[in-house]
Amino acid sequence: IGCQFGSFSLTFLSDSKTKQVYAFDGGDTPYLALTQIKMLNKLHNLHVFNFLIGNQNKKIECYQEELQSLAIKGNDVKNMFSIDMLCNLYNIEPDVIKIDIEGAEFLALSGAQQTIIENKPIIFIEIHPKFLNHYNNTIDDIISFVDSINYKIIDLNQQEVTDYKNTLQQETTDSNRTVWIPK
């Protein structure tokens, strides 16, 4: 979710012929670039989609620029779909989910709650605490979500984060990267 040019998607896929990767990005340029990579490399198990991921299944006004599309009111209209709906539609049972969507993380998570509870995927996530308010969300929304799905948080040094709220509040950069693992 927020696949950009596919660095994570291609890494997860590796040279496997059996894994299936579903890559989502609302930006037109990243979608076209990853689609070209897919075609040139004959990656039949890489599925690339050009729409926003969130908590709704409808067209929304969004902000579009060259490298990304954001789910905030702007100069474009794009489709937004929830992971729950897409997993039901395509019969996807994810074992890994990666999310990096510039502050819209809670929208994607809340639209994936059923899928996460049922499949218990490992979640690689980049939370943008300073951008959450652009989507009318807060750090408390993220903390409540983590509590509701019964996951533990691991930092990039493989240490458990025991006070995730404080960690997000104290973040000095624009984002915080962690791995969420079912308890």
N, C-alpha and C. Protein backbone atom coordinates (compact mmCIF):
# COMPACT_ATOMS: atom_id res chain seq x y z
N ILE A 1 0.87 -1.16 0.00
CA ILE A 1 0.00 0.00 0.00
C ILE A 1 0.91 1.22 0.00
N GLY A 2 0.84 1.98 -1.08
CA GLY A 2 1.80 3.05 -1.30
C GLY A 2 3.06 2.46 -1.89
N CYS A 3 2.91 1.70 -2.98
CA CYS A 3 4.03 0.91 -3.52
C CYS A 3 5.07 1.74 -4.26
N GLN A 4 4.73 2.98 -4.61
CA GLN A 4 5.63 3.82 -5.40
C GLN A 4 6.15 3.04 -6.60
N PHE A 5 7.45 2.89 -6.74
CA PHE A 5 8.03 2.22 -7.90
C PHE A 5 8.30 0.74 -7.67
N GLY A 6 7.85 0.21 -6.54
CA GLY A 6 7.89 -1.22 -6.31
C GLY A 6 9.07 -1.77 -5.56
N SER A 7 9.85 -0.94 -4.88
CA SER A 7 11.04 -1.47 -4.20
C SER A 7 10.68 -2.56 -3.19
N PHE A 8 9.62 -2.36 -2.39
CA PHE A 8 9.21 -3.40 -1.46
C PHE A 8 8.49 -4.53 -2.18
N SER A 9 7.64 -4.20 -3.12
CA SER A 9 6.89 -5.23 -3.85
C SER A 9 7.83 -6.20 -4.54
N LEU A 10 8.84 -5.67 -5.21
CA LEU A 10 9.79 -6.52 -5.93
C LEU A 10 10.67 -7.32 -4.96
N THR A 11 11.01 -6.72 -3.82
CA THR A 11 11.78 -7.43 -2.80
C THR A 11 10.99 -8.60 -2.24
N PHE A 12 9.71 -8.37 -1.91
CA PHE A 12 8.87 -9.45 -1.38
C PHE A 12 8.69 -10.55 -2.43
N LEU A 13 8.55 -10.16 -3.68
CA LEU A 13 8.35 -11.12 -4.76
C LEU A 13 9.61 -11.95 -5.01
N SER A 14 10.76 -11.28 -4.96
CA SER A 14 12.05 -11.92 -5.24
C SER A 14 11.97 -12.66 -6.57
N ASP A 15 12.49 -13.85 -6.65
CA ASP A 15 12.41 -14.61 -7.90
C ASP A 15 11.37 -15.73 -7.80
N SER A 16 10.46 -15.60 -6.87
CA SER A 16 9.44 -16.62 -6.66
C SER A 16 8.45 -16.69 -7.83
N LYS A 17 8.07 -17.88 -8.15
CA LYS A 17 7.03 -18.08 -9.17
C LYS A 17 5.69 -18.38 -8.51
N THR A 18 5.69 -18.60 -7.18
CA THR A 18 4.45 -18.97 -6.49
C THR A 18 3.86 -17.85 -5.65
N LYS A 19 4.70 -16.94 -5.14
CA LYS A 19 4.19 -15.82 -4.35
C LYS A 19 3.35 -14.91 -5.23
N GLN A 20 2.37 -14.27 -4.62
CA GLN A 20 1.56 -13.27 -5.30
C GLN A 20 1.75 -11.95 -4.56
N VAL A 21 2.04 -10.87 -5.28
CA VAL A 21 2.19 -9.55 -4.69
C VAL A 21 1.15 -8.63 -5.31
N TYR A 22 0.43 -7.91 -4.44
CA TYR A 22 -0.58 -6.94 -4.86
C TYR A 22 -0.06 -5.57 -4.45
N ALA A 23 0.23 -4.72 -5.42
CA ALA A 23 0.84 -3.42 -5.19
C ALA A 23 -0.14 -2.31 -5.54
N PHE A 24 -0.35 -1.39 -4.59
CA PHE A 24 -1.33 -0.31 -4.76
C PHE A 24 -0.65 1.04 -4.64
N ASP A 25 -0.91 1.92 -5.60
CA ASP A 25 -0.44 3.30 -5.52
C ASP A 25 -1.39 4.19 -6.30
N GLY A 26 -1.75 5.31 -5.70
CA GLY A 26 -2.65 6.25 -6.35
C GLY A 26 -1.97 7.15 -7.36
N GLY A 27 -0.65 7.24 -7.30
CA GLY A 27 0.09 8.10 -8.22
C GLY A 27 0.19 7.48 -9.61
N ASP A 28 -0.02 8.29 -10.63
CA ASP A 28 0.02 7.77 -12.00
C ASP A 28 1.42 7.37 -12.43
N THR A 29 2.43 8.20 -12.15
CA THR A 29 3.79 7.90 -12.58
C THR A 29 4.33 6.63 -11.92
N PRO A 30 4.19 6.47 -10.59
CA PRO A 30 4.66 5.21 -9.99
C PRO A 30 3.92 3.99 -10.56
N TYR A 31 2.62 4.11 -10.78
CA TYR A 31 1.84 3.00 -11.34
C TYR A 31 2.36 2.61 -12.72
N LEU A 32 2.57 3.61 -13.58
CA LEU A 32 3.04 3.33 -14.94
C LEU A 32 4.46 2.74 -14.92
N ALA A 33 5.32 3.24 -14.05
CA ALA A 33 6.69 2.72 -13.98
C ALA A 33 6.69 1.27 -13.51
N LEU A 34 5.92 0.97 -12.44
CA LEU A 34 5.90 -0.41 -11.94
C LEU A 34 5.21 -1.35 -12.93
N THR A 35 4.21 -0.87 -13.63
CA THR A 35 3.56 -1.69 -14.66
C THR A 35 4.56 -2.02 -15.77
N GLN A 36 5.38 -1.05 -16.15
CA GLN A 36 6.41 -1.30 -17.17
C GLN A 36 7.44 -2.31 -16.67
N ILE A 37 7.87 -2.18 -15.41
CA ILE A 37 8.80 -3.15 -14.83
C ILE A 37 8.18 -4.54 -14.86
N LYS A 38 6.91 -4.62 -14.52
CA LYS A 38 6.20 -5.91 -14.53
C LYS A 38 6.21 -6.53 -15.92
N MET A 39 5.86 -5.73 -16.92
CA MET A 39 5.77 -6.24 -18.29
C MET A 39 7.14 -6.63 -18.83
N LEU A 40 8.15 -5.77 -18.63
CA LEU A 40 9.49 -6.05 -19.16
C LEU A 40 10.11 -7.30 -18.54
N ASN A 41 9.76 -7.56 -17.28
CA ASN A 41 10.33 -8.71 -16.58
C ASN A 41 9.38 -9.91 -16.52
N LYS A 42 8.25 -9.79 -17.21
CA LYS A 42 7.27 -10.89 -17.29
C LYS A 42 6.92 -11.43 -15.90
N LEU A 43 6.56 -10.49 -15.01
CA LEU A 43 6.21 -10.84 -13.63
C LEU A 43 4.70 -11.07 -13.54
N HIS A 44 4.28 -12.27 -13.83
CA HIS A 44 2.85 -12.59 -13.86
C HIS A 44 2.23 -12.68 -12.48
N ASN A 45 3.05 -12.73 -11.45
CA ASN A 45 2.52 -12.80 -10.09
C ASN A 45 2.65 -11.47 -9.34
N LEU A 46 2.88 -10.40 -10.08
CA LEU A 46 2.85 -9.04 -9.54
C LEU A 46 1.60 -8.36 -10.09
N HIS A 47 0.72 -7.94 -9.21
CA HIS A 47 -0.55 -7.32 -9.60
C HIS A 47 -0.51 -5.86 -9.17
N VAL A 48 -0.54 -4.94 -10.13
CA VAL A 48 -0.35 -3.51 -9.86
C VAL A 48 -1.68 -2.78 -10.07
N PHE A 49 -2.05 -1.94 -9.09
CA PHE A 49 -3.33 -1.22 -9.14
C PHE A 49 -3.09 0.27 -8.94
N ASN A 50 -3.87 1.09 -9.65
CA ASN A 50 -3.73 2.55 -9.58
C ASN A 50 -4.98 3.17 -8.95
N PHE A 51 -5.04 3.09 -7.63
CA PHE A 51 -6.09 3.77 -6.87
C PHE A 51 -5.61 3.93 -5.44
N LEU A 52 -6.38 4.66 -4.66
CA LEU A 52 -6.03 4.92 -3.27
C LEU A 52 -6.59 3.80 -2.39
N ILE A 53 -5.90 3.53 -1.29
CA ILE A 53 -6.37 2.57 -0.30
C ILE A 53 -6.80 3.36 0.93
N GLY A 54 -7.98 3.02 1.44
CA GLY A 54 -8.49 3.72 2.61
C GLY A 54 -9.61 2.96 3.28
N ASN A 55 -10.56 3.70 3.82
CA ASN A 55 -11.66 3.09 4.56
C ASN A 55 -13.00 3.21 3.82
N GLN A 56 -12.95 3.57 2.55
CA GLN A 56 -14.16 3.74 1.75
C GLN A 56 -13.99 3.03 0.41
N ASN A 57 -15.11 2.79 -0.24
CA ASN A 57 -15.11 2.21 -1.59
C ASN A 57 -15.90 3.16 -2.48
N LYS A 58 -15.23 4.22 -2.93
CA LYS A 58 -15.90 5.23 -3.75
C LYS A 58 -14.87 6.18 -4.34
N LYS A 59 -15.31 7.02 -5.26
CA LYS A 59 -14.46 8.07 -5.80
C LYS A 59 -14.33 9.17 -4.75
N ILE A 60 -13.11 9.69 -4.61
CA ILE A 60 -12.89 10.79 -3.68
C ILE A 60 -12.05 11.87 -4.36
N GLU A 61 -12.21 13.09 -3.88
CA GLU A 61 -11.33 14.17 -4.31
C GLU A 61 -9.97 13.93 -3.66
N CYS A 62 -8.90 14.15 -4.42
CA CYS A 62 -7.57 13.93 -3.87
C CYS A 62 -6.60 14.95 -4.47
N TYR A 63 -5.43 14.97 -3.87
CA TYR A 63 -4.36 15.83 -4.35
C TYR A 63 -3.39 14.97 -5.14
N GLN A 64 -3.18 15.32 -6.40
CA GLN A 64 -2.31 14.54 -7.28
C GLN A 64 -1.08 15.38 -7.65
N GLU A 65 0.09 14.77 -7.52
CA GLU A 65 1.31 15.38 -8.04
C GLU A 65 2.09 14.31 -8.79
N GLU A 66 3.24 14.65 -9.29
CA GLU A 66 3.96 13.73 -10.19
C GLU A 66 4.22 12.35 -9.58
N LEU A 67 4.64 12.29 -8.33
CA LEU A 67 5.05 11.02 -7.76
C LEU A 67 4.08 10.39 -6.78
N GLN A 68 2.96 11.07 -6.49
CA GLN A 68 2.02 10.50 -5.54
C GLN A 68 0.65 11.15 -5.66
N SER A 69 -0.29 10.47 -5.07
CA SER A 69 -1.65 10.98 -4.95
C SER A 69 -2.03 10.84 -3.49
N LEU A 70 -2.51 11.92 -2.89
CA LEU A 70 -2.86 11.92 -1.47
C LEU A 70 -4.37 12.05 -1.29
N ALA A 71 -4.91 11.38 -0.30
CA ALA A 71 -6.36 11.36 -0.07
C ALA A 71 -6.82 12.61 0.68
N ILE A 72 -6.32 13.77 0.27
CA ILE A 72 -6.78 15.05 0.80
C ILE A 72 -7.36 15.85 -0.35
N LYS A 73 -8.31 16.71 -0.02
CA LYS A 73 -9.00 17.48 -1.05
C LYS A 73 -7.99 18.22 -1.93
N GLY A 74 -8.15 18.05 -3.25
CA GLY A 74 -7.19 18.67 -4.15
C GLY A 74 -7.69 18.75 -5.57
N ASN A 75 -6.79 18.57 -6.51
CA ASN A 75 -7.03 18.86 -7.92
C ASN A 75 -7.44 17.65 -8.76
N ASP A 76 -7.78 16.52 -8.15
CA ASP A 76 -8.07 15.30 -8.91
C ASP A 76 -9.17 14.49 -8.22
N VAL A 77 -9.65 13.49 -8.92
CA VAL A 77 -10.60 12.52 -8.36
C VAL A 77 -10.06 11.14 -8.67
N LYS A 78 -10.02 10.29 -7.67
CA LYS A 78 -9.54 8.91 -7.82
C LYS A 78 -10.47 7.97 -7.07
N ASN A 79 -10.42 6.71 -7.46
CA ASN A 79 -11.12 5.69 -6.70
C ASN A 79 -10.33 5.36 -5.45
N MET A 80 -11.07 5.14 -4.36
CA MET A 80 -10.49 4.63 -3.12
C MET A 80 -11.20 3.32 -2.81
N PHE A 81 -10.42 2.33 -2.40
CA PHE A 81 -10.99 1.04 -2.01
C PHE A 81 -10.38 0.61 -0.69
N SER A 82 -11.14 -0.18 0.06
CA SER A 82 -10.61 -0.74 1.31
C SER A 82 -9.94 -2.08 1.03
N ILE A 83 -8.96 -2.40 1.86
CA ILE A 83 -8.30 -3.70 1.76
C ILE A 83 -9.30 -4.82 2.03
N ASP A 84 -10.20 -4.62 2.99
CA ASP A 84 -11.20 -5.64 3.28
C ASP A 84 -12.01 -5.98 2.03
N MET A 85 -12.46 -4.98 1.30
CA MET A 85 -13.24 -5.22 0.09
C MET A 85 -12.39 -5.91 -0.98
N LEU A 86 -11.16 -5.45 -1.18
CA LEU A 86 -10.29 -6.03 -2.20
C LEU A 86 -9.92 -7.47 -1.88
N CYS A 87 -9.65 -7.75 -0.62
CA CYS A 87 -9.31 -9.13 -0.23
C CYS A 87 -10.51 -10.05 -0.44
N ASN A 88 -11.70 -9.57 -0.15
CA ASN A 88 -12.90 -10.37 -0.43
C ASN A 88 -13.11 -10.56 -1.92
N LEU A 89 -12.94 -9.51 -2.69
CA LEU A 89 -13.16 -9.54 -4.14
C LEU A 89 -12.17 -10.47 -4.85
N TYR A 90 -10.89 -10.36 -4.49
CA TYR A 90 -9.84 -11.13 -5.17
C TYR A 90 -9.43 -12.40 -4.41
N ASN A 91 -10.11 -12.70 -3.32
CA ASN A 91 -9.80 -13.87 -2.50
C ASN A 91 -8.34 -13.86 -2.05
N ILE A 92 -7.90 -12.71 -1.53
CA ILE A 92 -6.53 -12.53 -1.05
C ILE A 92 -6.50 -12.80 0.45
N GLU A 93 -5.50 -13.57 0.88
CA GLU A 93 -5.26 -13.82 2.29
C GLU A 93 -3.82 -13.40 2.58
N PRO A 94 -3.62 -12.11 2.89
CA PRO A 94 -2.24 -11.61 3.00
C PRO A 94 -1.51 -12.16 4.22
N ASP A 95 -0.21 -12.47 4.01
CA ASP A 95 0.63 -12.82 5.14
C ASP A 95 1.56 -11.66 5.51
N VAL A 96 1.67 -10.68 4.62
CA VAL A 96 2.45 -9.46 4.86
C VAL A 96 1.68 -8.29 4.25
N ILE A 97 1.65 -7.19 4.99
CA ILE A 97 1.11 -5.93 4.46
C ILE A 97 2.14 -4.85 4.73
N LYS A 98 2.43 -4.03 3.72
CA LYS A 98 3.34 -2.90 3.87
C LYS A 98 2.54 -1.63 3.60
N ILE A 99 2.63 -0.66 4.51
CA ILE A 99 1.87 0.59 4.38
C ILE A 99 2.81 1.78 4.53
N ASP A 100 2.80 2.65 3.53
CA ASP A 100 3.53 3.92 3.59
C ASP A 100 2.74 4.91 2.75
N ILE A 101 1.82 5.63 3.39
CA ILE A 101 0.91 6.50 2.63
C ILE A 101 0.75 7.89 3.24
N GLU A 102 1.84 8.43 3.72
CA GLU A 102 1.97 9.85 4.07
C GLU A 102 0.85 10.40 4.96
N GLY A 103 0.54 9.71 6.05
CA GLY A 103 -0.44 10.20 7.01
C GLY A 103 -1.81 9.57 6.92
N ALA A 104 -2.10 8.86 5.85
CA ALA A 104 -3.41 8.21 5.68
C ALA A 104 -3.40 6.78 6.22
N GLU A 105 -2.43 6.47 7.06
CA GLU A 105 -2.28 5.10 7.57
C GLU A 105 -3.54 4.62 8.29
N PHE A 106 -4.13 5.46 9.13
CA PHE A 106 -5.31 5.02 9.88
C PHE A 106 -6.47 4.71 8.94
N LEU A 107 -6.61 5.46 7.86
CA LEU A 107 -7.67 5.17 6.89
C LEU A 107 -7.48 3.78 6.31
N ALA A 108 -6.26 3.46 5.91
CA ALA A 108 -5.98 2.14 5.34
C ALA A 108 -6.18 1.04 6.37
N LEU A 109 -5.69 1.27 7.58
CA LEU A 109 -5.83 0.27 8.65
C LEU A 109 -7.28 0.00 8.98
N SER A 110 -8.07 1.06 9.11
CA SER A 110 -9.48 0.86 9.48
C SER A 110 -10.24 0.17 8.35
N GLY A 111 -9.80 0.33 7.12
CA GLY A 111 -10.40 -0.38 6.00
C GLY A 111 -9.84 -1.78 5.79
N ALA A 112 -8.92 -2.18 6.67
CA ALA A 112 -8.30 -3.52 6.59
C ALA A 112 -8.47 -4.32 7.87
N GLN A 113 -9.25 -3.81 8.81
CA GLN A 113 -9.34 -4.43 10.13
C GLN A 113 -9.81 -5.88 10.08
N GLN A 114 -10.84 -6.16 9.32
CA GLN A 114 -11.33 -7.54 9.21
C GLN A 114 -10.25 -8.46 8.64
N THR A 115 -9.60 -8.01 7.59
CA THR A 115 -8.53 -8.79 6.95
C THR A 115 -7.39 -9.05 7.92
N ILE A 116 -7.01 -8.04 8.68
CA ILE A 116 -5.91 -8.19 9.63
C ILE A 116 -6.29 -9.17 10.74
N ILE A 117 -7.49 -9.04 11.28
CA ILE A 117 -7.93 -9.93 12.35
C ILE A 117 -8.01 -11.38 11.86
N GLU A 118 -8.52 -11.58 10.65
CA GLU A 118 -8.70 -12.95 10.13
C GLU A 118 -7.38 -13.59 9.68
N ASN A 119 -6.46 -12.82 9.10
CA ASN A 119 -5.25 -13.40 8.50
C ASN A 119 -3.98 -13.20 9.32
N LYS A 120 -4.00 -12.24 10.24
CA LYS A 120 -2.86 -11.95 11.11
C LYS A 120 -1.54 -11.76 10.33
N PRO A 121 -1.55 -10.89 9.33
CA PRO A 121 -0.31 -10.65 8.57
C PRO A 121 0.70 -9.85 9.39
N ILE A 122 1.96 -10.01 9.07
CA ILE A 122 2.99 -9.11 9.57
C ILE A 122 2.77 -7.78 8.84
N ILE A 123 2.87 -6.68 9.58
CA ILE A 123 2.62 -5.36 8.97
C ILE A 123 3.88 -4.51 9.08
N PHE A 124 4.43 -4.14 7.95
CA PHE A 124 5.52 -3.18 7.88
C PHE A 124 4.84 -1.83 7.66
N ILE A 125 5.03 -0.90 8.60
CA ILE A 125 4.28 0.35 8.49
C ILE A 125 5.15 1.56 8.80
N GLU A 126 4.89 2.59 8.04
CA GLU A 126 5.53 3.88 8.26
C GLU A 126 4.44 4.85 8.67
N ILE A 127 4.40 5.20 9.96
CA ILE A 127 3.42 6.15 10.48
C ILE A 127 4.01 7.55 10.33
N HIS A 128 3.20 8.48 9.85
CA HIS A 128 3.60 9.88 9.71
C HIS A 128 2.81 10.70 10.74
N PRO A 129 3.29 10.77 12.00
CA PRO A 129 2.53 11.41 13.07
C PRO A 129 2.11 12.84 12.77
N LYS A 130 2.98 13.59 12.11
CA LYS A 130 2.68 15.00 11.84
C LYS A 130 1.65 15.18 10.73
N PHE A 131 1.40 14.13 9.95
CA PHE A 131 0.45 14.23 8.84
C PHE A 131 -0.91 13.60 9.14
N LEU A 132 -1.03 12.89 10.26
CA LEU A 132 -2.29 12.22 10.60
C LEU A 132 -3.46 13.20 10.64
N ASN A 133 -3.20 14.41 11.15
CA ASN A 133 -4.29 15.40 11.28
C ASN A 133 -4.84 15.85 9.94
N HIS A 134 -4.10 15.68 8.84
CA HIS A 134 -4.62 16.02 7.51
C HIS A 134 -5.81 15.14 7.15
N TYR A 135 -5.92 13.99 7.84
CA TYR A 135 -6.99 13.03 7.57
C TYR A 135 -7.93 12.92 8.77
N ASN A 136 -7.88 13.93 9.65
CA ASN A 136 -8.72 13.97 10.85
C ASN A 136 -8.47 12.78 11.77
N ASN A 137 -7.21 12.35 11.85
CA ASN A 137 -6.83 11.26 12.73
C ASN A 137 -5.73 11.72 13.68
N THR A 138 -5.51 10.91 14.72
CA THR A 138 -4.51 11.23 15.73
C THR A 138 -3.67 10.00 16.05
N ILE A 139 -2.62 10.22 16.81
CA ILE A 139 -1.81 9.11 17.31
C ILE A 139 -2.66 8.18 18.15
N ASP A 140 -3.60 8.73 18.92
CA ASP A 140 -4.49 7.89 19.74
C ASP A 140 -5.30 6.92 18.87
N ASP A 141 -5.68 7.34 17.67
CA ASP A 141 -6.40 6.44 16.76
C ASP A 141 -5.52 5.24 16.39
N ILE A 142 -4.25 5.50 16.13
CA ILE A 142 -3.30 4.43 15.78
C ILE A 142 -3.15 3.48 16.97
N ILE A 143 -2.96 4.04 18.16
CA ILE A 143 -2.77 3.23 19.37
C ILE A 143 -4.01 2.37 19.62
N SER A 144 -5.18 2.94 19.51
CA SER A 144 -6.43 2.18 19.71
C SER A 144 -6.54 1.05 18.70
N PHE A 145 -6.14 1.32 17.47
CA PHE A 145 -6.20 0.28 16.44
C PHE A 145 -5.26 -0.87 16.78
N VAL A 146 -4.02 -0.56 17.13
CA VAL A 146 -3.06 -1.60 17.48
C VAL A 146 -3.60 -2.44 18.64
N ASP A 147 -4.17 -1.78 19.65
CA ASP A 147 -4.74 -2.51 20.78
C ASP A 147 -5.89 -3.42 20.34
N SER A 148 -6.70 -2.95 19.40
CA SER A 148 -7.88 -3.72 18.96
C SER A 148 -7.52 -4.97 18.18
N ILE A 149 -6.34 -4.99 17.55
CA ILE A 149 -5.96 -6.17 16.75
C ILE A 149 -4.98 -7.08 17.49
N ASN A 150 -4.56 -6.66 18.69
CA ASN A 150 -3.70 -7.50 19.54
C ASN A 150 -2.35 -7.81 18.88
N TYR A 151 -1.66 -6.76 18.47
CA TYR A 151 -0.33 -6.87 17.87
C TYR A 151 0.71 -6.25 18.80
N LYS A 152 1.96 -6.68 18.65
CA LYS A 152 3.06 -6.02 19.34
C LYS A 152 3.86 -5.25 18.28
N ILE A 153 4.55 -4.22 18.73
CA ILE A 153 5.29 -3.33 17.84
C ILE A 153 6.79 -3.60 18.03
N ILE A 154 7.48 -3.75 16.91
CA ILE A 154 8.92 -3.97 16.90
C ILE A 154 9.57 -2.83 16.12
N ASP A 155 10.64 -2.26 16.67
CA ASP A 155 11.34 -1.21 15.93
C ASP A 155 12.32 -1.84 14.93
N LEU A 156 13.01 -1.01 14.19
CA LEU A 156 13.90 -1.52 13.15
C LEU A 156 15.17 -2.16 13.71
N ASN A 157 15.38 -2.03 15.03
CA ASN A 157 16.48 -2.72 15.70
C ASN A 157 16.01 -4.04 16.31
N GLN A 158 14.80 -4.43 15.97
CA GLN A 158 14.17 -5.67 16.43
C GLN A 158 13.90 -5.68 17.93
N GLN A 159 13.70 -4.48 18.48
CA GLN A 159 13.37 -4.34 19.90
C GLN A 159 11.88 -4.04 20.02
N GLU A 160 11.22 -4.64 21.01
CA GLU A 160 9.80 -4.36 21.21
C GLU A 160 9.63 -2.92 21.70
N VAL A 161 8.66 -2.23 21.12
CA VAL A 161 8.32 -0.87 21.52
C VAL A 161 7.24 -0.99 22.59
N THR A 162 7.56 -0.60 23.81
CA THR A 162 6.60 -0.78 24.90
C THR A 162 5.70 0.43 25.10
N ASP A 163 6.13 1.61 24.66
CA ASP A 163 5.29 2.81 24.76
C ASP A 163 5.21 3.45 23.36
N TYR A 164 4.39 2.83 22.52
CA TYR A 164 4.29 3.26 21.12
C TYR A 164 3.75 4.68 21.01
N LYS A 165 2.80 5.03 21.86
CA LYS A 165 2.24 6.39 21.83
C LYS A 165 3.34 7.42 22.04
N ASN A 166 4.16 7.22 23.07
CA ASN A 166 5.25 8.15 23.36
C ASN A 166 6.25 8.17 22.21
N THR A 167 6.55 7.00 21.66
CA THR A 167 7.49 6.92 20.52
C THR A 167 6.99 7.76 19.36
N LEU A 168 5.70 7.65 19.04
CA LEU A 168 5.14 8.44 17.93
C LEU A 168 5.11 9.92 18.27
N GLN A 169 4.77 10.25 19.52
CA GLN A 169 4.72 11.65 19.93
C GLN A 169 6.10 12.30 19.89
N GLN A 170 7.14 11.54 20.17
CA GLN A 170 8.50 12.07 20.23
C GLN A 170 9.24 12.00 18.90
N GLU A 171 8.60 11.46 17.87
CA GLU A 171 9.26 11.31 16.56
C GLU A 171 9.72 12.67 16.06
N THR A 172 11.01 12.77 15.71
CA THR A 172 11.58 14.04 15.26
C THR A 172 11.61 14.17 13.74
N THR A 173 11.49 13.05 13.03
CA THR A 173 11.44 13.12 11.57
C THR A 173 9.98 13.12 11.14
N ASP A 174 9.72 13.04 9.84
CA ASP A 174 8.33 13.06 9.38
C ASP A 174 7.67 11.69 9.47
N SER A 175 8.44 10.63 9.83
CA SER A 175 7.81 9.31 9.87
C SER A 175 8.51 8.39 10.86
N ASN A 176 7.78 7.35 11.26
CA ASN A 176 8.29 6.35 12.18
C ASN A 176 8.03 4.98 11.58
N ARG A 177 9.07 4.20 11.40
CA ARG A 177 8.96 2.88 10.76
C ARG A 177 9.02 1.78 11.80
N THR A 178 8.04 0.89 11.77
CA THR A 178 7.99 -0.24 12.68
C THR A 178 7.42 -1.47 11.98
N VAL A 179 7.52 -2.57 12.67
CA VAL A 179 6.93 -3.83 12.20
C VAL A 179 5.93 -4.25 13.26
N TRP A 180 4.72 -4.57 12.82
CA TRP A 180 3.68 -5.03 13.75
C TRP A 180 3.55 -6.53 13.58
N ILE A 181 3.56 -7.24 14.72
CA ILE A 181 3.51 -8.70 14.71
C ILE A 181 2.39 -9.17 15.63
N PRO A 182 1.60 -10.15 15.19
CA PRO A 182 0.54 -10.66 16.07
C PRO A 182 1.13 -11.19 17.38
N LYS A 183 0.46 -10.92 18.49
CA LYS A 183 0.92 -11.44 19.80
C LYS A 183 0.65 -12.94 19.88
